[in-house]
Amino acid sequence: MEIKLQELIEQIKKDGVATAEAEAKTIVDAAKEEAEKIVADAKAQAEKILADAKTENERMTKSSEDAIRQAGRNLLISFRESVTRELKSITSENVSAVYSSEALSKLIISIVECWANKPDAEDIAVILNTEDLKRLEETLLSALKEKMLNGVTLKANDNFDGGFRIAVNNGSAYYDYSADAVVDMLSNYLSPKVSELLKEAE
């Protein structure tokens, strides 16, 4: 009887240890699985943070590069506009200097003579502002005296500041040599040349 009791106790101990070991293994396995899941989640989160940081860095880099490019374009455009304005100012000063000198009368005489030699040009009118007409009238009348008899007339018009205009055949053809028109013409001619030079310098 005592032997059976001892065997029973041994069996209970054995079953208890086995059960405890099984439960312990279950707990360890669950803990291990949970730990692996935590590590995997942490790794995935870290990779996502790195990927997001890389994307944001690339976006910021591109944005900075685009801003630098735009600033460069703006600077170049501003410089070209500044050069064009300066060019127009210089052209305007030179045209004004020529038009305020005796060279204006020589220019008018030369152009009128060219027009007067055209067989289809009749009733040539030289139009100047009142101030220039008073200043140049005597010189022009003297130089164009013969031409005046053939239909060349001098007229005043204060709708422009300097230079002159030519009207031919009772105004059917009209040629603008006013200071503003000549400055615009020269500036438009020179601006593309300046742009090409600036492109070559880039």
C-alpha atoms as a PDB file:
ATOM      1  CA  MET A   1       0.000   0.000   0.000  1.00  0.00           C
ATOM      2  CA  GLU A   2       2.833   2.305   0.890  1.00  0.00           C
ATOM      3  CA  ILE A   3       4.569   1.519  -2.360  1.00  0.00           C
ATOM      4  CA  LYS A   4       1.486   2.415  -4.377  1.00  0.00           C
ATOM      5  CA  LEU A   5       1.122   5.663  -2.486  1.00  0.00           C
ATOM      6  CA  GLN A   6       4.741   6.472  -3.228  1.00  0.00           C
ATOM      7  CA  GLU A   7       4.214   5.692  -6.906  1.00  0.00           C
ATOM      8  CA  LEU A   8       1.120   7.867  -6.918  1.00  0.00           C
ATOM      9  CA  ILE A   9       3.070  10.730  -5.373  1.00  0.00           C
ATOM     10  CA  GLU A  10       5.839  10.239  -7.902  1.00  0.00           C
ATOM     11  CA  GLN A  11       3.289  10.171 -10.726  1.00  0.00           C
ATOM     12  CA  ILE A  12       1.633  13.359  -9.459  1.00  0.00           C
ATOM     13  CA  LYS A  13       5.032  15.045  -9.210  1.00  0.00           C
ATOM     14  CA  LYS A  14       5.935  13.844 -12.650  1.00  0.00           C
ATOM     15  CA  ASP A  15       2.604  15.006 -14.142  1.00  0.00           C
ATOM     16  CA  GLY A  16       2.910  18.359 -12.324  1.00  0.00           C
ATOM     17  CA  VAL A  17       6.411  18.949 -13.624  1.00  0.00           C
ATOM     18  CA  ALA A  18       5.373  17.998 -17.154  1.00  0.00           C
ATOM     19  CA  THR A  19       2.381  20.296 -16.987  1.00  0.00           C
ATOM     20  CA  ALA A  20       4.507  23.114 -15.573  1.00  0.00           C
ATOM     21  CA  GLU A  21       7.130  22.552 -18.236  1.00  0.00           C
ATOM     22  CA  ALA A  22       4.451  22.545 -20.966  1.00  0.00           C
ATOM     23  CA  GLU A  23       2.930  25.760 -19.582  1.00  0.00           C
ATOM     24  CA  ALA A  24       6.371  27.307 -19.265  1.00  0.00           C
ATOM     25  CA  LYS A  25       7.172  26.348 -22.846  1.00  0.00           C
ATOM     26  CA  THR A  26       3.848  27.835 -24.011  1.00  0.00           C
ATOM     27  CA  ILE A  27       4.610  31.058 -22.122  1.00  0.00           C
ATOM     28  CA  VAL A  28       8.170  31.188 -23.480  1.00  0.00           C
ATOM     29  CA  ASP A  29       6.971  30.496 -27.033  1.00  0.00           C
ATOM     30  CA  ALA A  30       4.274  33.183 -26.746  1.00  0.00           C
ATOM     31  CA  ALA A  31       6.801  35.636 -25.307  1.00  0.00           C
ATOM     32  CA  LYS A  32       9.274  34.790 -28.063  1.00  0.00           C
ATOM     33  CA  GLU A  33       6.579  35.228 -30.729  1.00  0.00           C
ATOM     34  CA  GLU A  34       5.514  38.548 -29.185  1.00  0.00           C
ATOM     35  CA  ALA A  35       9.141  39.682 -29.017  1.00  0.00           C
ATOM     36  CA  GLU A  36       9.686  38.789 -32.688  1.00  0.00           C
ATOM     37  CA  LYS A  37       6.503  40.678 -33.599  1.00  0.00           C
ATOM     38  CA  ILE A  38       7.654  43.733 -31.628  1.00  0.00           C
ATOM     39  CA  VAL A  39      11.080  43.604 -33.328  1.00  0.00           C
ATOM     40  CA  ALA A  40       9.469  43.203 -36.793  1.00  0.00           C
ATOM     41  CA  ASP A  41       7.060  46.096 -36.110  1.00  0.00           C
ATOM     42  CA  ALA A  42       9.917  48.267 -34.847  1.00  0.00           C
ATOM     43  CA  LYS A  43      12.020  47.397 -37.893  1.00  0.00           C
ATOM     44  CA  ALA A  44       9.100  48.186 -40.261  1.00  0.00           C
ATOM     45  CA  GLN A  45       8.474  51.473 -38.435  1.00  0.00           C
ATOM     46  CA  ALA A  46      12.162  52.370 -38.634  1.00  0.00           C
ATOM     47  CA  GLU A  47      12.251  51.565 -42.363  1.00  0.00           C
ATOM     48  CA  LYS A  48       9.128  53.700 -42.906  1.00  0.00           C
ATOM     49  CA  ILE A  49      10.672  56.595 -40.973  1.00  0.00           C
ATOM     50  CA  LEU A  50      13.866  56.306 -43.047  1.00  0.00           C
ATOM     51  CA  ALA A  51      11.895  56.094 -46.333  1.00  0.00           C
ATOM     52  CA  ASP A  52       9.766  59.112 -45.338  1.00  0.00           C
ATOM     53  CA  ALA A  53      12.893  61.044 -44.329  1.00  0.00           C
ATOM     54  CA  LYS A  54      14.552  60.178 -47.646  1.00  0.00           C
ATOM     55  CA  THR A  55      11.439  61.241 -49.606  1.00  0.00           C
ATOM     56  CA  GLU A  56      11.214  64.506 -47.652  1.00  0.00           C
ATOM     57  CA  ASN A  57      14.929  65.137 -48.130  1.00  0.00           C
ATOM     58  CA  GLU A  58      14.608  64.558 -51.893  1.00  0.00           C
ATOM     59  CA  ARG A  59      11.557  66.845 -52.008  1.00  0.00           C
ATOM     60  CA  MET A  60      13.361  69.590 -50.095  1.00  0.00           C
ATOM     61  CA  THR A  61      16.490  69.180 -52.252  1.00  0.00           C
ATOM     62  CA  LYS A  62      14.442  69.426 -55.464  1.00  0.00           C
ATOM     63  CA  SER A  63      12.502  72.381 -54.071  1.00  0.00           C
ATOM     64  CA  SER A  64      15.774  74.137 -53.160  1.00  0.00           C
ATOM     65  CA  GLU A  65      17.277  73.401 -56.586  1.00  0.00           C
ATOM     66  CA  ASP A  66      14.106  74.666 -58.317  1.00  0.00           C
ATOM     67  CA  ALA A  67      14.209  77.828 -56.184  1.00  0.00           C
ATOM     68  CA  ILE A  68      17.878  78.393 -57.084  1.00  0.00           C
ATOM     69  CA  ARG A  69      17.144  77.839 -60.790  1.00  0.00           C
ATOM     70  CA  GLN A  70      14.174  80.242 -60.648  1.00  0.00           C
ATOM     71  CA  ALA A  71      16.259  82.827 -58.792  1.00  0.00           C
ATOM     72  CA  GLY A  72      18.925  82.478 -61.494  1.00  0.00           C
ATOM     73  CA  ARG A  73      16.336  82.900 -64.256  1.00  0.00           C
ATOM     74  CA  ASN A  74      14.838  85.920 -62.479  1.00  0.00           C
ATOM     75  CA  LEU A  75      18.287  87.443 -62.055  1.00  0.00           C
ATOM     76  CA  LEU A  76      19.119  86.900 -65.730  1.00  0.00           C
ATOM     77  CA  ILE A  77      15.772  88.331 -66.872  1.00  0.00           C
ATOM     78  CA  SER A  78      16.231  91.324 -64.571  1.00  0.00           C
ATOM     79  CA  PHE A  79      19.762  91.842 -65.886  1.00  0.00           C
ATOM     80  CA  ARG A  80      18.606  91.625 -69.508  1.00  0.00           C
ATOM     81  CA  GLU A  81      15.794  94.085 -68.836  1.00  0.00           C
ATOM     82  CA  SER A  82      18.269  96.397 -67.116  1.00  0.00           C
ATOM     83  CA  VAL A  83      20.667  96.160 -70.082  1.00  0.00           C
ATOM     84  CA  THR A  84      17.773  96.778 -72.508  1.00  0.00           C
ATOM     85  CA  ARG A  85      16.648  99.838 -70.524  1.00  0.00           C
ATOM     86  CA  GLU A  86      20.210 101.146 -70.400  1.00  0.00           C
ATOM     87  CA  LEU A  87      20.619 100.483 -74.109  1.00  0.00           C
ATOM     88  CA  LYS A  88      17.401 102.341 -74.867  1.00  0.00           C
ATOM     89  CA  SER A  89      18.514 105.227 -72.651  1.00  0.00           C
ATOM     90  CA  ILE A  90      21.901 105.442 -74.426  1.00  0.00           C
ATOM     91  CA  THR A  91      20.201 105.191 -77.832  1.00  0.00           C
ATOM     92  CA  SER A  92      17.723 107.891 -76.828  1.00  0.00           C
ATOM     93  CA  GLU A  93      20.520 110.210 -75.676  1.00  0.00           C
ATOM     94  CA  ASN A  94      22.422 109.743 -78.925  1.00  0.00           C
ATOM     95  CA  VAL A  95      19.353 110.209 -81.118  1.00  0.00           C
ATOM     96  CA  SER A  96      18.390 113.317 -79.121  1.00  0.00           C
ATOM     97  CA  ALA A  97      21.933 114.662 -79.509  1.00  0.00           C
ATOM     98  CA  VAL A  98      21.840 114.135 -83.280  1.00  0.00           C
ATOM     99  CA  TYR A  99      18.325 115.557 -83.606  1.00  0.00           C
ATOM    100  CA  SER A 100      19.188 118.653 -81.580  1.00  0.00           C
ATOM    101  CA  SER A 101      22.258 119.420 -83.727  1.00  0.00           C
ATOM    102  CA  GLU A 102      22.708 120.698 -87.251  1.00  0.00           C
ATOM    103  CA  ALA A 103      22.943 117.076 -88.345  1.00  0.00           C
ATOM    104  CA  LEU A 104      19.136 116.993 -88.289  1.00  0.00           C
ATOM    105  CA  SER A 105      18.860 119.490 -91.123  1.00  0.00           C
ATOM    106  CA  LYS A 106      21.426 117.557 -93.190  1.00  0.00           C
ATOM    107  CA  LEU A 107      19.496 114.349 -92.571  1.00  0.00           C
ATOM    108  CA  ILE A 108      16.197 115.948 -93.612  1.00  0.00           C
ATOM    109  CA  ILE A 109      17.756 117.446 -96.748  1.00  0.00           C
ATOM    110  CA  SER A 110      19.289 114.097 -97.707  1.00  0.00           C
ATOM    111  CA  ILE A 111      16.023 112.179 -97.217  1.00  0.00           C
ATOM    112  CA  VAL A 112      13.925 114.778 -99.035  1.00  0.00           C
ATOM    113  CA  GLU A 113      16.337 114.711-101.976  1.00  0.00           C
ATOM    114  CA  CYS A 114      16.040 110.918-102.131  1.00  0.00           C
ATOM    115  CA  TRP A 115      12.259 111.124-102.097  1.00  0.00           C
ATOM    116  CA  ALA A 116      12.136 113.974-104.584  1.00  0.00           C
ATOM    117  CA  ASN A 117      14.094 111.859-107.080  1.00  0.00           C
ATOM    118  CA  LYS A 118      11.427 109.138-107.048  1.00  0.00           C
ATOM    119  CA  PRO A 119       9.114 109.571-110.042  1.00  0.00           C
ATOM    120  CA  ASP A 120       6.033 108.469-108.086  1.00  0.00           C
ATOM    121  CA  ALA A 121       6.632 110.805-105.109  1.00  0.00           C
ATOM    122  CA  GLU A 122       4.560 113.966-105.153  1.00  0.00           C
ATOM    123  CA  ASP A 123       3.575 116.562-102.572  1.00  0.00           C
ATOM    124  CA  ILE A 124       6.329 115.741-100.099  1.00  0.00           C
ATOM    125  CA  ALA A 125       5.654 117.280 -96.679  1.00  0.00           C
ATOM    126  CA  VAL A 126       8.349 117.497 -94.021  1.00  0.00           C
ATOM    127  CA  ILE A 127       6.686 117.613 -90.599  1.00  0.00           C
ATOM    128  CA  LEU A 128       8.621 118.870 -87.567  1.00  0.00           C
ATOM    129  CA  ASN A 129       7.619 120.127 -84.155  1.00  0.00           C
ATOM    130  CA  THR A 130       7.228 123.928 -83.956  1.00  0.00           C
ATOM    131  CA  GLU A 131      10.512 124.499 -82.107  1.00  0.00           C
ATOM    132  CA  ASP A 132      12.616 122.498 -84.598  1.00  0.00           C
ATOM    133  CA  LEU A 133      10.813 124.080 -87.547  1.00  0.00           C
ATOM    134  CA  LYS A 134      11.688 127.582 -86.289  1.00  0.00           C
ATOM    135  CA  ARG A 135      15.295 126.517 -85.665  1.00  0.00           C
ATOM    136  CA  LEU A 136      15.814 124.784 -89.004  1.00  0.00           C
ATOM    137  CA  GLU A 137      13.404 126.576 -91.316  1.00  0.00           C
ATOM    138  CA  GLU A 138      15.942 129.008 -92.767  1.00  0.00           C
ATOM    139  CA  THR A 139      18.537 126.263 -93.389  1.00  0.00           C
ATOM    140  CA  LEU A 140      15.966 123.921 -94.924  1.00  0.00           C
ATOM    141  CA  LEU A 141      14.358 126.581 -97.087  1.00  0.00           C
ATOM    142  CA  SER A 142      17.745 127.588 -98.402  1.00  0.00           C
ATOM    143  CA  ALA A 143      18.880 124.013 -99.117  1.00  0.00           C
ATOM    144  CA  LEU A 144      15.556 122.840-100.534  1.00  0.00           C
ATOM    145  CA  LYS A 145      14.636 126.021-102.379  1.00  0.00           C
ATOM    146  CA  GLU A 146      14.585 124.340-105.776  1.00  0.00           C
ATOM    147  CA  LYS A 147      12.782 121.322-104.385  1.00  0.00           C
ATOM    148  CA  MET A 148      10.159 123.540-102.729  1.00  0.00           C
ATOM    149  CA  LEU A 149       9.058 124.612-106.179  1.00  0.00           C
ATOM    150  CA  ASN A 150       8.455 120.948-106.977  1.00  0.00           C
ATOM    151  CA  GLY A 151       5.983 120.356-104.156  1.00  0.00           C
ATOM    152  CA  VAL A 152       8.092 119.972-101.015  1.00  0.00           C
ATOM    153  CA  THR A 153       6.553 121.776 -98.030  1.00  0.00           C
ATOM    154  CA  LEU A 154       7.476 122.249 -94.373  1.00  0.00           C
ATOM    155  CA  LYS A 155       4.776 121.800 -91.722  1.00  0.00           C
ATOM    156  CA  ALA A 156       4.601 122.077 -87.946  1.00  0.00           C
ATOM    157  CA  ASN A 157       3.106 119.381 -85.713  1.00  0.00           C
ATOM    158  CA  ASP A 158       3.660 119.222 -81.956  1.00  0.00           C
ATOM    159  CA  ASN A 159       2.452 115.639 -81.477  1.00  0.00           C
ATOM    160  CA  PHE A 160       6.074 114.471 -81.168  1.00  0.00           C
ATOM    161  CA  ASP A 161       9.101 115.913 -79.384  1.00  0.00           C
ATOM    162  CA  GLY A 162      11.985 115.605 -81.797  1.00  0.00           C
ATOM    163  CA  GLY A 163      12.906 114.405 -85.234  1.00  0.00           C
ATOM    164  CA  PHE A 164      10.620 114.606 -88.231  1.00  0.00           C
ATOM    165  CA  ARG A 165       8.069 112.791 -90.326  1.00  0.00           C
ATOM    166  CA  ILE A 166       7.694 112.613 -94.090  1.00  0.00           C
ATOM    167  CA  ALA A 167       4.306 112.505 -95.770  1.00  0.00           C
ATOM    168  CA  VAL A 168       4.195 111.700 -99.482  1.00  0.00           C
ATOM    169  CA  ASN A 169       1.433 111.971-102.079  1.00  0.00           C
ATOM    170  CA  ASN A 170      -0.941 114.031 -99.938  1.00  0.00           C
ATOM    171  CA  GLY A 171      -0.346 111.832 -96.901  1.00  0.00           C
ATOM    172  CA  SER A 172      -1.051 108.497 -98.614  1.00  0.00           C
ATOM    173  CA  ALA A 173       2.385 107.309 -97.482  1.00  0.00           C
ATOM    174  CA  TYR A 174       3.774 108.261 -94.104  1.00  0.00           C
ATOM    175  CA  TYR A 175       7.294 107.719 -92.752  1.00  0.00           C
ATOM    176  CA  ASP A 176       8.094 108.302 -89.102  1.00  0.00           C
ATOM    177  CA  TYR A 177      11.606 109.537 -88.263  1.00  0.00           C
ATOM    178  CA  SER A 178      10.567 111.029 -84.929  1.00  0.00           C
ATOM    179  CA  ALA A 179      12.975 110.567 -82.031  1.00  0.00           C
ATOM    180  CA  ASP A 180      10.705 108.016 -80.321  1.00  0.00           C
ATOM    181  CA  ALA A 181      10.237 105.980 -83.514  1.00  0.00           C
ATOM    182  CA  VAL A 182      13.976 105.897 -84.274  1.00  0.00           C
ATOM    183  CA  VAL A 183      14.860 104.972 -80.659  1.00  0.00           C
ATOM    184  CA  ASP A 184      12.306 102.132 -80.738  1.00  0.00           C
ATOM    185  CA  MET A 185      13.583 100.920 -84.098  1.00  0.00           C
ATOM    186  CA  LEU A 186      17.233 100.938 -82.972  1.00  0.00           C
ATOM    187  CA  SER A 187      16.405  99.361 -79.599  1.00  0.00           C
ATOM    188  CA  ASN A 188      14.401  96.592 -81.251  1.00  0.00           C
ATOM    189  CA  TYR A 189      17.305  95.948 -83.608  1.00  0.00           C
ATOM    190  CA  LEU A 190      19.946  95.992 -80.873  1.00  0.00           C
ATOM    191  CA  SER A 191      18.024  94.031 -78.186  1.00  0.00           C
ATOM    192  CA  PRO A 192      18.247  90.647 -79.967  1.00  0.00           C
ATOM    193  CA  LYS A 193      21.950  91.267 -80.552  1.00  0.00           C
ATOM    194  CA  VAL A 194      22.450  91.979 -76.836  1.00  0.00           C
ATOM    195  CA  SER A 195      20.422  88.869 -75.928  1.00  0.00           C
ATOM    196  CA  GLU A 196      22.654  86.745 -78.155  1.00  0.00           C
ATOM    197  CA  LEU A 197      25.773  88.210 -76.533  1.00  0.00           C
ATOM    198  CA  LEU A 198      24.350  87.494 -73.074  1.00  0.00           C
ATOM    199  CA  LYS A 199      23.552  83.897 -74.084  1.00  0.00           C
ATOM    200  CA  GLU A 200      27.110  83.446 -75.311  1.00  0.00           C
ATOM    201  CA  ALA A 201      28.365  84.707 -71.946  1.00  0.00           C
ATOM    202  CA  GLU A 202      26.316  82.143 -69.973  1.00  0.00           C
END
